[in-house]
Amino acid sequence: MAGENVKRRFEYERFGPLIALAILFVISAIASPYFLQTQNLLNILRQVSYTGIIALGMTFVIISGGIDLSVGSMVALVGGVVILALNWLLTVFGEGGEAWAILFALIIGLLFGAGLGALNGLMVTIGKIAPFIATLGTMAIFRSMALYIGSAGVFRSESNLFPDLGMGNVLGIPNPVVVFISLAVIFAIILNKTRYGRYLCAVGSNPKVAKYSAIKVNLTRFISYVAVGITVGFSAVFLSARLNSMSSTNGGLNYELDAIAAVIIGGTPMTGGAGSIFGTVIGAITLGIINNMLNMLGVSPYLQGTVKGVVIIGAVLIQRKRSQ
């Protein structure tokens, strides 16, 4: 009997976010006749892909027992650097080398994002600064740097081909969504099928025991921050490509909230030690559907944050009941 209860609890914890998404999907379909239109569903997936990609890396960080509040500001800074690099590369490669300029700008964005993530990781691991404080500080630093470099304005691309990267599609599926799904598969394999994934959960569960088990705790945590920096690089590139610009003031604004919310709604506890990439994907889509329905129902944008906050608090309360 006890074994059956444990199994039911496990199944509920694993599929709970998916069940909640299914219920929300049905309610949304009933509430609005436009919800099930293909274009609307693709728009939802496109919108959630930017924060969803970041949430994949954030899952690793939270599983390790940390948090990263700087990802929103990092998006603005990385996106701005990508556009500046692209404009410079266009002069280097000339008219016939625009595709190469975009490719190298993409690589620069990923490397720069990884570098900023590494900076956070070093402060947390080597500097022994609490993740909340370290990333709160870099959140202000990255935004300030973006504002300074962009003169508190907008970084504008001079490329005519760059928007195709953000607005293009593969078999009708938007490029950012394809990358979101592809990265989700990669991150899921790393978390569930590799030694690093096991180490990550061990470090988040009990770092002292992990250290006694010969696990390199600092290195494991450091890699998780580099991972979230890389995901920020992807998101910044596609967001700046879609708009062919990046705002130094509003770019990536509140992305850290959406990324963390997606992870929590997906069932990953803030205490670390466990988590699910599949759950994070479901959490990101759930947030996207909520935002979409609120817009369709004409709810004031000033109240949408309230709904999002209630959903986050509810997810945390559910997790607390599960652990009791």
C-alpha atoms as a PDB file:
ATOM      1  CA  MET A   1       0.000   0.000   0.000  1.00  0.00           C
ATOM      2  CA  ALA A   2       2.818   2.344   0.938  1.00  0.00           C
ATOM      3  CA  GLY A   3       4.575   1.524  -2.320  1.00  0.00           C
ATOM      4  CA  GLU A   4       1.481   2.478  -4.315  1.00  0.00           C
ATOM      5  CA  ASN A   5       1.262   5.810  -2.497  1.00  0.00           C
ATOM      6  CA  VAL A   6       4.899   6.558  -3.264  1.00  0.00           C
ATOM      7  CA  LYS A   7       4.351   5.663  -6.925  1.00  0.00           C
ATOM      8  CA  ARG A   8       1.276   7.889  -7.164  1.00  0.00           C
ATOM      9  CA  ARG A   9       3.184  10.758  -5.583  1.00  0.00           C
ATOM     10  CA  PHE A  10       6.050  10.274  -8.024  1.00  0.00           C
ATOM     11  CA  GLU A  11       3.719  10.242 -11.004  1.00  0.00           C
ATOM     12  CA  TYR A  12       1.946  13.356  -9.733  1.00  0.00           C
ATOM     13  CA  GLU A  13       5.228  15.219  -9.261  1.00  0.00           C
ATOM     14  CA  ARG A  14       6.402  14.182 -12.712  1.00  0.00           C
ATOM     15  CA  PHE A  15       3.249  14.853 -14.694  1.00  0.00           C
ATOM     16  CA  GLY A  16       1.590  17.513 -12.502  1.00  0.00           C
ATOM     17  CA  PRO A  17       2.793  20.488 -14.624  1.00  0.00           C
ATOM     18  CA  LEU A  18       1.661  18.716 -17.810  1.00  0.00           C
ATOM     19  CA  ILE A  19      -1.793  18.041 -16.351  1.00  0.00           C
ATOM     20  CA  ALA A  20      -2.064  21.693 -15.294  1.00  0.00           C
ATOM     21  CA  LEU A  21      -1.064  22.796 -18.805  1.00  0.00           C
ATOM     22  CA  ALA A  22      -3.655  20.512 -20.377  1.00  0.00           C
ATOM     23  CA  ILE A  23      -6.402  21.940 -18.156  1.00  0.00           C
ATOM     24  CA  LEU A  24      -5.289  25.504 -18.932  1.00  0.00           C
ATOM     25  CA  PHE A  25      -5.234  24.682 -22.658  1.00  0.00           C
ATOM     26  CA  VAL A  26      -8.829  23.409 -22.574  1.00  0.00           C
ATOM     27  CA  ILE A  27     -10.039  26.424 -20.582  1.00  0.00           C
ATOM     28  CA  SER A  28      -8.298  28.804 -22.992  1.00  0.00           C
ATOM     29  CA  ALA A  29      -9.816  27.053 -26.008  1.00  0.00           C
ATOM     30  CA  ILE A  30     -13.292  27.448 -24.493  1.00  0.00           C
ATOM     31  CA  ALA A  31     -12.740  31.055 -23.420  1.00  0.00           C
ATOM     32  CA  SER A  32     -11.613  32.314 -26.828  1.00  0.00           C
ATOM     33  CA  PRO A  33     -12.450  31.031 -30.328  1.00  0.00           C
ATOM     34  CA  TYR A  34      -9.153  32.475 -31.612  1.00  0.00           C
ATOM     35  CA  PHE A  35      -6.926  30.555 -29.218  1.00  0.00           C
ATOM     36  CA  LEU A  36      -6.673  27.368 -31.310  1.00  0.00           C
ATOM     37  CA  GLN A  37      -5.759  29.178 -34.499  1.00  0.00           C
ATOM     38  CA  THR A  38      -2.409  27.939 -35.793  1.00  0.00           C
ATOM     39  CA  GLN A  39      -0.923  31.414 -36.037  1.00  0.00           C
ATOM     40  CA  ASN A  40      -1.868  32.189 -32.443  1.00  0.00           C
ATOM     41  CA  LEU A  41      -0.307  28.977 -31.149  1.00  0.00           C
ATOM     42  CA  LEU A  42       2.876  29.655 -33.106  1.00  0.00           C
ATOM     43  CA  ASN A  43       2.970  33.188 -31.730  1.00  0.00           C
ATOM     44  CA  ILE A  44       2.716  31.808 -28.186  1.00  0.00           C
ATOM     45  CA  LEU A  45       5.601  29.418 -28.818  1.00  0.00           C
ATOM     46  CA  ARG A  46       7.665  32.199 -30.394  1.00  0.00           C
ATOM     47  CA  GLN A  47       7.082  34.506 -27.439  1.00  0.00           C
ATOM     48  CA  VAL A  48       7.945  31.903 -24.808  1.00  0.00           C
ATOM     49  CA  SER A  49      11.028  30.684 -26.677  1.00  0.00           C
ATOM     50  CA  TYR A  50      13.119  33.727 -25.710  1.00  0.00           C
ATOM     51  CA  THR A  51      12.640  33.310 -21.966  1.00  0.00           C
ATOM     52  CA  GLY A  52      12.215  29.548 -22.327  1.00  0.00           C
ATOM     53  CA  ILE A  53      15.723  29.161 -23.739  1.00  0.00           C
ATOM     54  CA  ILE A  54      17.103  31.066 -20.749  1.00  0.00           C
ATOM     55  CA  ALA A  55      14.967  28.967 -18.390  1.00  0.00           C
ATOM     56  CA  LEU A  56      16.784  25.827 -19.595  1.00  0.00           C
ATOM     57  CA  GLY A  57      20.069  27.166 -18.284  1.00  0.00           C
ATOM     58  CA  MET A  58      18.351  28.564 -15.207  1.00  0.00           C
ATOM     59  CA  THR A  59      17.155  25.045 -14.415  1.00  0.00           C
ATOM     60  CA  PHE A  60      20.757  23.903 -14.100  1.00  0.00           C
ATOM     61  CA  VAL A  61      21.610  26.843 -11.848  1.00  0.00           C
ATOM     62  CA  ILE A  62      18.631  26.305  -9.544  1.00  0.00           C
ATOM     63  CA  ILE A  63      19.233  22.546  -9.355  1.00  0.00           C
ATOM     64  CA  SER A  64      22.777  23.332  -8.206  1.00  0.00           C
ATOM     65  CA  GLY A  65      21.333  25.383  -5.360  1.00  0.00           C
ATOM     66  CA  GLY A  66      21.924  28.802  -6.930  1.00  0.00           C
ATOM     67  CA  ILE A  67      20.027  31.493  -8.788  1.00  0.00           C
ATOM     68  CA  ASP A  68      20.817  34.069 -11.481  1.00  0.00           C
ATOM     69  CA  LEU A  69      19.025  37.416 -11.356  1.00  0.00           C
ATOM     70  CA  SER A  70      21.219  39.018 -14.011  1.00  0.00           C
ATOM     71  CA  VAL A  71      19.915  37.216 -17.116  1.00  0.00           C
ATOM     72  CA  GLY A  72      17.519  40.005 -18.138  1.00  0.00           C
ATOM     73  CA  SER A  73      20.209  42.680 -18.053  1.00  0.00           C
ATOM     74  CA  MET A  74      22.589  40.218 -19.683  1.00  0.00           C
ATOM     75  CA  VAL A  75      20.209  39.896 -22.651  1.00  0.00           C
ATOM     76  CA  ALA A  76      20.356  43.656 -23.262  1.00  0.00           C
ATOM     77  CA  LEU A  77      24.157  43.776 -22.989  1.00  0.00           C
ATOM     78  CA  VAL A  78      24.805  40.675 -25.100  1.00  0.00           C
ATOM     79  CA  GLY A  79      22.241  41.756 -27.700  1.00  0.00           C
ATOM     80  CA  GLY A  80      23.843  45.184 -27.936  1.00  0.00           C
ATOM     81  CA  VAL A  81      27.326  43.709 -28.335  1.00  0.00           C
ATOM     82  CA  VAL A  82      26.051  41.319 -31.026  1.00  0.00           C
ATOM     83  CA  ILE A  83      24.622  44.194 -33.061  1.00  0.00           C
ATOM     84  CA  LEU A  84      27.768  46.309 -32.662  1.00  0.00           C
ATOM     85  CA  ALA A  85      29.887  43.323 -33.692  1.00  0.00           C
ATOM     86  CA  LEU A  86      27.599  42.615 -36.650  1.00  0.00           C
ATOM     87  CA  ASN A  87      27.807  46.203 -37.914  1.00  0.00           C
ATOM     88  CA  TRP A  88      31.599  46.078 -37.690  1.00  0.00           C
ATOM     89  CA  LEU A  89      31.792  42.656 -39.359  1.00  0.00           C
ATOM     90  CA  LEU A  90      29.655  43.929 -42.253  1.00  0.00           C
ATOM     91  CA  THR A  91      32.411  46.416 -43.067  1.00  0.00           C
ATOM     92  CA  VAL A  92      35.029  43.667 -42.795  1.00  0.00           C
ATOM     93  CA  PHE A  93      33.304  41.071 -45.014  1.00  0.00           C
ATOM     94  CA  GLY A  94      31.657  43.522 -47.397  1.00  0.00           C
ATOM     95  CA  GLU A  95      28.369  43.129 -49.246  1.00  0.00           C
ATOM     96  CA  GLY A  96      28.955  39.537 -50.332  1.00  0.00           C
ATOM     97  CA  GLY A  97      29.844  38.331 -46.866  1.00  0.00           C
ATOM     98  CA  GLU A  98      26.738  39.354 -44.916  1.00  0.00           C
ATOM     99  CA  ALA A  99      25.902  35.746 -44.022  1.00  0.00           C
ATOM    100  CA  TRP A 100      29.422  35.235 -42.642  1.00  0.00           C
ATOM    101  CA  ALA A 101      29.126  38.432 -40.637  1.00  0.00           C
ATOM    102  CA  ILE A 102      25.898  37.156 -39.048  1.00  0.00           C
ATOM    103  CA  LEU A 103      27.478  33.779 -38.284  1.00  0.00           C
ATOM    104  CA  PHE A 104      30.474  35.328 -36.538  1.00  0.00           C
ATOM    105  CA  ALA A 105      28.202  37.766 -34.676  1.00  0.00           C
ATOM    106  CA  LEU A 106      26.218  34.756 -33.431  1.00  0.00           C
ATOM    107  CA  ILE A 107      29.407  33.084 -32.210  1.00  0.00           C
ATOM    108  CA  ILE A 108      30.508  36.310 -30.504  1.00  0.00           C
ATOM    109  CA  GLY A 109      27.130  36.511 -28.747  1.00  0.00           C
ATOM    110  CA  LEU A 110      27.392  32.953 -27.438  1.00  0.00           C
ATOM    111  CA  LEU A 111      30.983  33.433 -26.261  1.00  0.00           C
ATOM    112  CA  PHE A 112      30.225  36.777 -24.638  1.00  0.00           C
ATOM    113  CA  GLY A 113      27.181  35.323 -22.878  1.00  0.00           C
ATOM    114  CA  ALA A 114      29.286  32.400 -21.673  1.00  0.00           C
ATOM    115  CA  GLY A 115      31.897  34.870 -20.410  1.00  0.00           C
ATOM    116  CA  LEU A 116      29.353  36.862 -18.421  1.00  0.00           C
ATOM    117  CA  GLY A 117      27.935  33.637 -17.008  1.00  0.00           C
ATOM    118  CA  ALA A 118      31.486  32.580 -16.078  1.00  0.00           C
ATOM    119  CA  LEU A 119      31.914  35.879 -14.227  1.00  0.00           C
ATOM    120  CA  ASN A 120      28.850  35.091 -12.119  1.00  0.00           C
ATOM    121  CA  GLY A 121      30.105  31.560 -11.587  1.00  0.00           C
ATOM    122  CA  LEU A 122      33.508  32.738 -10.388  1.00  0.00           C
ATOM    123  CA  MET A 123      31.973  35.130  -7.867  1.00  0.00           C
ATOM    124  CA  VAL A 124      29.746  32.371  -6.495  1.00  0.00           C
ATOM    125  CA  THR A 125      32.374  29.607  -6.407  1.00  0.00           C
ATOM    126  CA  ILE A 126      35.771  31.263  -5.918  1.00  0.00           C
ATOM    127  CA  GLY A 127      34.498  34.491  -4.351  1.00  0.00           C
ATOM    128  CA  LYS A 128      32.079  32.620  -2.062  1.00  0.00           C
ATOM    129  CA  ILE A 129      29.448  35.322  -2.588  1.00  0.00           C
ATOM    130  CA  ALA A 130      25.825  34.248  -2.134  1.00  0.00           C
ATOM    131  CA  PRO A 131      24.290  33.697  -5.606  1.00  0.00           C
ATOM    132  CA  PHE A 132      21.431  36.094  -4.886  1.00  0.00           C
ATOM    133  CA  ILE A 133      23.810  38.921  -3.947  1.00  0.00           C
ATOM    134  CA  ALA A 134      26.367  38.217  -6.695  1.00  0.00           C
ATOM    135  CA  THR A 135      23.818  38.160  -9.509  1.00  0.00           C
ATOM    136  CA  LEU A 136      21.869  41.076  -8.040  1.00  0.00           C
ATOM    137  CA  GLY A 137      25.058  43.085  -8.350  1.00  0.00           C
ATOM    138  CA  THR A 138      25.804  41.961 -11.896  1.00  0.00           C
ATOM    139  CA  MET A 139      22.182  42.631 -12.856  1.00  0.00           C
ATOM    140  CA  ALA A 140      22.826  46.317 -12.119  1.00  0.00           C
ATOM    141  CA  ILE A 141      26.301  46.237 -13.706  1.00  0.00           C
ATOM    142  CA  PHE A 142      25.186  44.608 -16.967  1.00  0.00           C
ATOM    143  CA  ARG A 143      22.231  46.959 -17.396  1.00  0.00           C
ATOM    144  CA  SER A 144      24.414  49.961 -16.633  1.00  0.00           C
ATOM    145  CA  MET A 145      27.004  48.830 -19.183  1.00  0.00           C
ATOM    146  CA  ALA A 146      24.294  48.347 -21.825  1.00  0.00           C
ATOM    147  CA  LEU A 147      22.949  51.833 -21.121  1.00  0.00           C
ATOM    148  CA  TYR A 148      26.423  53.369 -21.273  1.00  0.00           C
ATOM    149  CA  ILE A 149      27.507  51.629 -24.480  1.00  0.00           C
ATOM    150  CA  GLY A 150      24.157  52.315 -26.151  1.00  0.00           C
ATOM    151  CA  SER A 151      23.878  55.875 -24.789  1.00  0.00           C
ATOM    152  CA  ALA A 152      20.593  54.847 -23.137  1.00  0.00           C
ATOM    153  CA  GLY A 153      19.151  54.327 -26.598  1.00  0.00           C
ATOM    154  CA  VAL A 154      18.670  51.520 -29.101  1.00  0.00           C
ATOM    155  CA  PHE A 155      21.342  49.395 -30.786  1.00  0.00           C
ATOM    156  CA  ARG A 156      20.350  49.198 -34.473  1.00  0.00           C
ATOM    157  CA  SER A 157      21.592  46.658 -36.974  1.00  0.00           C
ATOM    158  CA  GLU A 158      22.664  47.720 -40.460  1.00  0.00           C
ATOM    159  CA  SER A 159      22.035  44.248 -41.891  1.00  0.00           C
ATOM    160  CA  ASN A 160      19.079  43.487 -44.148  1.00  0.00           C
ATOM    161  CA  LEU A 161      19.566  39.731 -43.745  1.00  0.00           C
ATOM    162  CA  PHE A 162      19.779  39.609 -39.935  1.00  0.00           C
ATOM    163  CA  PRO A 163      15.966  39.836 -39.381  1.00  0.00           C
ATOM    164  CA  ASP A 164      15.544  36.612 -41.375  1.00  0.00           C
ATOM    165  CA  LEU A 165      17.313  34.768 -38.553  1.00  0.00           C
ATOM    166  CA  GLY A 166      14.739  35.921 -36.023  1.00  0.00           C
ATOM    167  CA  MET A 167      11.648  35.875 -38.230  1.00  0.00           C
ATOM    168  CA  GLY A 168      12.477  32.829 -40.368  1.00  0.00           C
ATOM    169  CA  ASN A 169      11.100  29.339 -39.879  1.00  0.00           C
ATOM    170  CA  VAL A 170      11.839  25.676 -40.465  1.00  0.00           C
ATOM    171  CA  LEU A 171       8.880  23.773 -41.928  1.00  0.00           C
ATOM    172  CA  GLY A 172       6.587  26.499 -40.626  1.00  0.00           C
ATOM    173  CA  ILE A 173       8.045  26.466 -37.103  1.00  0.00           C
ATOM    174  CA  PRO A 174       9.767  29.746 -36.081  1.00  0.00           C
ATOM    175  CA  ASN A 175      13.557  29.535 -35.739  1.00  0.00           C
ATOM    176  CA  PRO A 176      13.601  30.495 -32.034  1.00  0.00           C
ATOM    177  CA  VAL A 177      11.150  27.676 -31.302  1.00  0.00           C
ATOM    178  CA  VAL A 178      13.308  25.165 -33.184  1.00  0.00           C
ATOM    179  CA  VAL A 179      16.337  26.234 -31.145  1.00  0.00           C
ATOM    180  CA  PHE A 180      14.294  26.128 -27.909  1.00  0.00           C
ATOM    181  CA  ILE A 181      13.187  22.551 -28.568  1.00  0.00           C
ATOM    182  CA  SER A 182      16.647  21.456 -29.716  1.00  0.00           C
ATOM    183  CA  LEU A 183      18.357  22.922 -26.651  1.00  0.00           C
ATOM    184  CA  ALA A 184      15.701  21.381 -24.394  1.00  0.00           C
ATOM    185  CA  VAL A 185      16.556  17.937 -25.770  1.00  0.00           C
ATOM    186  CA  ILE A 186      20.287  18.548 -25.283  1.00  0.00           C
ATOM    187  CA  PHE A 187      19.865  19.852 -21.732  1.00  0.00           C
ATOM    188  CA  ALA A 188      17.545  16.964 -20.850  1.00  0.00           C
ATOM    189  CA  ILE A 189      20.115  14.433 -22.061  1.00  0.00           C
ATOM    190  CA  ILE A 190      22.858  16.152 -20.078  1.00  0.00           C
ATOM    191  CA  LEU A 191      20.741  16.253 -16.923  1.00  0.00           C
ATOM    192  CA  ASN A 192      19.341  12.735 -17.105  1.00  0.00           C
ATOM    193  CA  LYS A 193      21.942  10.693 -18.959  1.00  0.00           C
ATOM    194  CA  THR A 194      25.362  12.083 -18.039  1.00  0.00           C
ATOM    195  CA  ARG A 195      27.651  12.073 -15.022  1.00  0.00           C
ATOM    196  CA  TYR A 196      27.495  15.868 -14.866  1.00  0.00           C
ATOM    197  CA  GLY A 197      23.712  15.734 -14.446  1.00  0.00           C
ATOM    198  CA  ARG A 198      24.082  13.373 -11.489  1.00  0.00           C
ATOM    199  CA  TYR A 199      26.779  15.570  -9.995  1.00  0.00           C
ATOM    200  CA  LEU A 200      24.578  18.648 -10.432  1.00  0.00           C
ATOM    201  CA  CYS A 201      21.732  17.083  -8.437  1.00  0.00           C
ATOM    202  CA  ALA A 202      24.145  15.843  -5.769  1.00  0.00           C
ATOM    203  CA  VAL A 203      25.685  19.298  -5.329  1.00  0.00           C
ATOM    204  CA  GLY A 204      22.284  20.952  -5.074  1.00  0.00           C
ATOM    205  CA  SER A 205      21.007  18.349  -2.636  1.00  0.00           C
ATOM    206  CA  ASN A 206      23.949  18.397  -0.216  1.00  0.00           C
ATOM    207  CA  PRO A 207      27.220  20.078  -1.260  1.00  0.00           C
ATOM    208  CA  LYS A 208      29.158  18.747   1.744  1.00  0.00           C
ATOM    209  CA  VAL A 209      28.254  15.144   1.008  1.00  0.00           C
ATOM    210  CA  ALA A 210      28.996  15.751  -2.673  1.00  0.00           C
ATOM    211  CA  LYS A 211      32.436  17.088  -1.761  1.00  0.00           C
ATOM    212  CA  TYR A 212      33.163  14.042   0.403  1.00  0.00           C
ATOM    213  CA  SER A 213      32.124  11.921  -2.593  1.00  0.00           C
ATOM    214  CA  ALA A 214      34.984  13.442  -4.608  1.00  0.00           C
ATOM    215  CA  ILE A 215      32.652  15.629  -6.686  1.00  0.00           C
ATOM    216  CA  LYS A 216      34.148  18.960  -7.736  1.00  0.00           C
ATOM    217  CA  VAL A 217      31.435  21.136  -6.258  1.00  0.00           C
ATOM    218  CA  ASN A 218      32.775  24.501  -7.430  1.00  0.00           C
ATOM    219  CA  LEU A 219      33.384  23.282 -10.981  1.00  0.00           C
ATOM    220  CA  THR A 220      29.901  21.769 -11.181  1.00  0.00           C
ATOM    221  CA  ARG A 221      28.286  25.026 -10.073  1.00  0.00           C
ATOM    222  CA  PHE A 222      30.551  27.104 -12.300  1.00  0.00           C
ATOM    223  CA  ILE A 223      29.511  25.125 -15.391  1.00  0.00           C
ATOM    224  CA  SER A 224      25.834  25.727 -14.591  1.00  0.00           C
ATOM    225  CA  TYR A 225      26.387  29.514 -14.679  1.00  0.00           C
ATOM    226  CA  VAL A 226      28.303  29.235 -17.941  1.00  0.00           C
ATOM    227  CA  ALA A 227      25.388  27.205 -19.323  1.00  0.00           C
ATOM    228  CA  VAL A 228      22.847  29.876 -18.461  1.00  0.00           C
ATOM    229  CA  GLY A 229      25.159  32.476 -20.039  1.00  0.00           C
ATOM    230  CA  ILE A 230      25.178  30.485 -23.286  1.00  0.00           C
ATOM    231  CA  THR A 231      21.385  30.258 -23.285  1.00  0.00           C
ATOM    232  CA  VAL A 232      21.230  34.018 -22.750  1.00  0.00           C
ATOM    233  CA  GLY A 233      23.475  34.366 -25.802  1.00  0.00           C
ATOM    234  CA  PHE A 234      21.043  32.377 -27.941  1.00  0.00           C
ATOM    235  CA  SER A 235      18.061  34.342 -26.655  1.00  0.00           C
ATOM    236  CA  ALA A 236      19.768  37.718 -27.150  1.00  0.00           C
ATOM    237  CA  VAL A 237      20.768  36.865 -30.731  1.00  0.00           C
ATOM    238  CA  PHE A 238      17.266  35.784 -31.757  1.00  0.00           C
ATOM    239  CA  LEU A 239      15.557  38.662 -29.961  1.00  0.00           C
ATOM    240  CA  SER A 240      17.834  41.265 -31.535  1.00  0.00           C
ATOM    241  CA  ALA A 241      17.461  39.558 -34.933  1.00  0.00           C
ATOM    242  CA  ARG A 242      13.670  39.605 -34.706  1.00  0.00           C
ATOM    243  CA  LEU A 243      13.634  43.354 -34.030  1.00  0.00           C
ATOM    244  CA  ASN A 244      16.871  44.097 -35.937  1.00  0.00           C
ATOM    245  CA  SER A 245      17.692  46.136 -32.851  1.00  0.00           C
ATOM    246  CA  MET A 246      18.104  45.904 -29.087  1.00  0.00           C
ATOM    247  CA  SER A 247      16.923  48.442 -26.540  1.00  0.00           C
ATOM    248  CA  SER A 248      19.446  49.177 -23.807  1.00  0.00           C
ATOM    249  CA  THR A 249      16.629  50.185 -21.444  1.00  0.00           C
ATOM    250  CA  ASN A 250      13.872  47.626 -22.111  1.00  0.00           C
ATOM    251  CA  GLY A 251      15.776  44.747 -23.702  1.00  0.00           C
ATOM    252  CA  GLY A 252      15.367  41.607 -21.599  1.00  0.00           C
ATOM    253  CA  LEU A 253      13.372  43.500 -18.980  1.00  0.00           C
ATOM    254  CA  ASN A 254      11.925  41.077 -16.368  1.00  0.00           C
ATOM    255  CA  TYR A 255      13.271  38.060 -18.282  1.00  0.00           C
ATOM    256  CA  GLU A 256      14.797  36.809 -15.043  1.00  0.00           C
ATOM    257  CA  LEU A 257      11.313  36.689 -13.495  1.00  0.00           C
ATOM    258  CA  ASP A 258       9.836  34.721 -16.394  1.00  0.00           C
ATOM    259  CA  ALA A 259      12.781  32.309 -16.556  1.00  0.00           C
ATOM    260  CA  ILE A 260      12.695  31.573 -12.825  1.00  0.00           C
ATOM    261  CA  ALA A 261       8.902  31.303 -12.902  1.00  0.00           C
ATOM    262  CA  ALA A 262       9.050  28.743 -15.728  1.00  0.00           C
ATOM    263  CA  VAL A 263      11.501  26.635 -13.725  1.00  0.00           C
ATOM    264  CA  ILE A 264       9.399  26.785 -10.556  1.00  0.00           C
ATOM    265  CA  ILE A 265       6.098  26.094 -12.328  1.00  0.00           C
ATOM    266  CA  GLY A 266       7.815  23.158 -14.019  1.00  0.00           C
ATOM    267  CA  GLY A 267       8.361  21.539 -10.629  1.00  0.00           C
ATOM    268  CA  THR A 268      12.013  22.312  -9.891  1.00  0.00           C
ATOM    269  CA  PRO A 269      12.292  23.254  -6.192  1.00  0.00           C
ATOM    270  CA  MET A 270      14.138  26.447  -5.263  1.00  0.00           C
ATOM    271  CA  THR A 271      16.074  24.431  -2.688  1.00  0.00           C
ATOM    272  CA  GLY A 272      17.854  22.604  -5.511  1.00  0.00           C
ATOM    273  CA  GLY A 273      18.905  18.979  -5.742  1.00  0.00           C
ATOM    274  CA  ALA A 274      16.332  17.939  -8.341  1.00  0.00           C
ATOM    275  CA  GLY A 275      14.626  19.249 -11.430  1.00  0.00           C
ATOM    276  CA  SER A 276      13.227  18.554 -14.870  1.00  0.00           C
ATOM    277  CA  ILE A 277      13.956  20.145 -18.235  1.00  0.00           C
ATOM    278  CA  PHE A 278      10.643  18.753 -19.491  1.00  0.00           C
ATOM    279  CA  GLY A 279       8.907  20.497 -16.594  1.00  0.00           C
ATOM    280  CA  THR A 280      10.659  23.771 -17.408  1.00  0.00           C
ATOM    281  CA  VAL A 281       9.444  23.610 -21.013  1.00  0.00           C
ATOM    282  CA  ILE A 282       5.905  23.001 -19.756  1.00  0.00           C
ATOM    283  CA  GLY A 283       6.264  25.876 -17.293  1.00  0.00           C
ATOM    284  CA  ALA A 284       7.391  28.278 -20.017  1.00  0.00           C
ATOM    285  CA  ILE A 285       4.489  27.319 -22.280  1.00  0.00           C
ATOM    286  CA  THR A 286       2.062  27.650 -19.353  1.00  0.00           C
ATOM    287  CA  LEU A 287       3.219  31.224 -18.751  1.00  0.00           C
ATOM    288  CA  GLY A 288       2.874  31.961 -22.459  1.00  0.00           C
ATOM    289  CA  ILE A 289      -0.694  30.701 -22.576  1.00  0.00           C
ATOM    290  CA  ILE A 290      -1.602  32.710 -19.470  1.00  0.00           C
ATOM    291  CA  ASN A 291      -0.215  35.907 -21.007  1.00  0.00           C
ATOM    292  CA  ASN A 292      -1.936  35.178 -24.309  1.00  0.00           C
ATOM    293  CA  MET A 293      -5.320  34.611 -22.695  1.00  0.00           C
ATOM    294  CA  LEU A 294      -5.055  37.708 -20.546  1.00  0.00           C
ATOM    295  CA  ASN A 295      -4.403  39.759 -23.689  1.00  0.00           C
ATOM    296  CA  MET A 296      -7.296  38.140 -25.550  1.00  0.00           C
ATOM    297  CA  LEU A 297      -9.651  38.757 -22.650  1.00  0.00           C
ATOM    298  CA  GLY A 298      -8.632  42.401 -22.521  1.00  0.00           C
ATOM    299  CA  VAL A 299      -7.124  42.283 -19.047  1.00  0.00           C
ATOM    300  CA  SER A 300      -5.073  45.379 -18.271  1.00  0.00           C
ATOM    301  CA  PRO A 301      -1.325  44.794 -18.789  1.00  0.00           C
ATOM    302  CA  TYR A 302      -0.796  46.382 -15.382  1.00  0.00           C
ATOM    303  CA  LEU A 303      -2.653  43.471 -13.782  1.00  0.00           C
ATOM    304  CA  GLN A 304      -0.944  40.697 -15.730  1.00  0.00           C
ATOM    305  CA  GLY A 305       2.013  40.779 -13.358  1.00  0.00           C
ATOM    306  CA  THR A 306      -0.404  40.117 -10.504  1.00  0.00           C
ATOM    307  CA  VAL A 307      -1.688  36.962 -12.192  1.00  0.00           C
ATOM    308  CA  LYS A 308       1.872  35.804 -12.875  1.00  0.00           C
ATOM    309  CA  GLY A 309       2.817  36.417  -9.243  1.00  0.00           C
ATOM    310  CA  VAL A 310      -0.159  34.410  -8.003  1.00  0.00           C
ATOM    311  CA  VAL A 311       0.802  31.512 -10.288  1.00  0.00           C
ATOM    312  CA  ILE A 312       4.379  31.530  -8.946  1.00  0.00           C
ATOM    313  CA  ILE A 313       3.234  31.600  -5.321  1.00  0.00           C
ATOM    314  CA  GLY A 314       0.758  28.818  -6.029  1.00  0.00           C
ATOM    315  CA  ALA A 315       3.466  26.658  -7.602  1.00  0.00           C
ATOM    316  CA  VAL A 316       5.701  27.127  -4.551  1.00  0.00           C
ATOM    317  CA  LEU A 317       2.857  26.232  -2.179  1.00  0.00           C
ATOM    318  CA  ILE A 318       2.140  23.060  -4.155  1.00  0.00           C
ATOM    319  CA  GLN A 319       5.809  22.087  -3.969  1.00  0.00           C
ATOM    320  CA  ARG A 320       5.789  22.661  -0.197  1.00  0.00           C
ATOM    321  CA  LYS A 321       2.770  20.370   0.232  1.00  0.00           C
ATOM    322  CA  ARG A 322       4.478  17.677  -1.826  1.00  0.00           C
ATOM    323  CA  SER A 323       7.543  17.751   0.398  1.00  0.00           C
ATOM    324  CA  GLN A 324       5.524  17.415   3.622  1.00  0.00           C
END
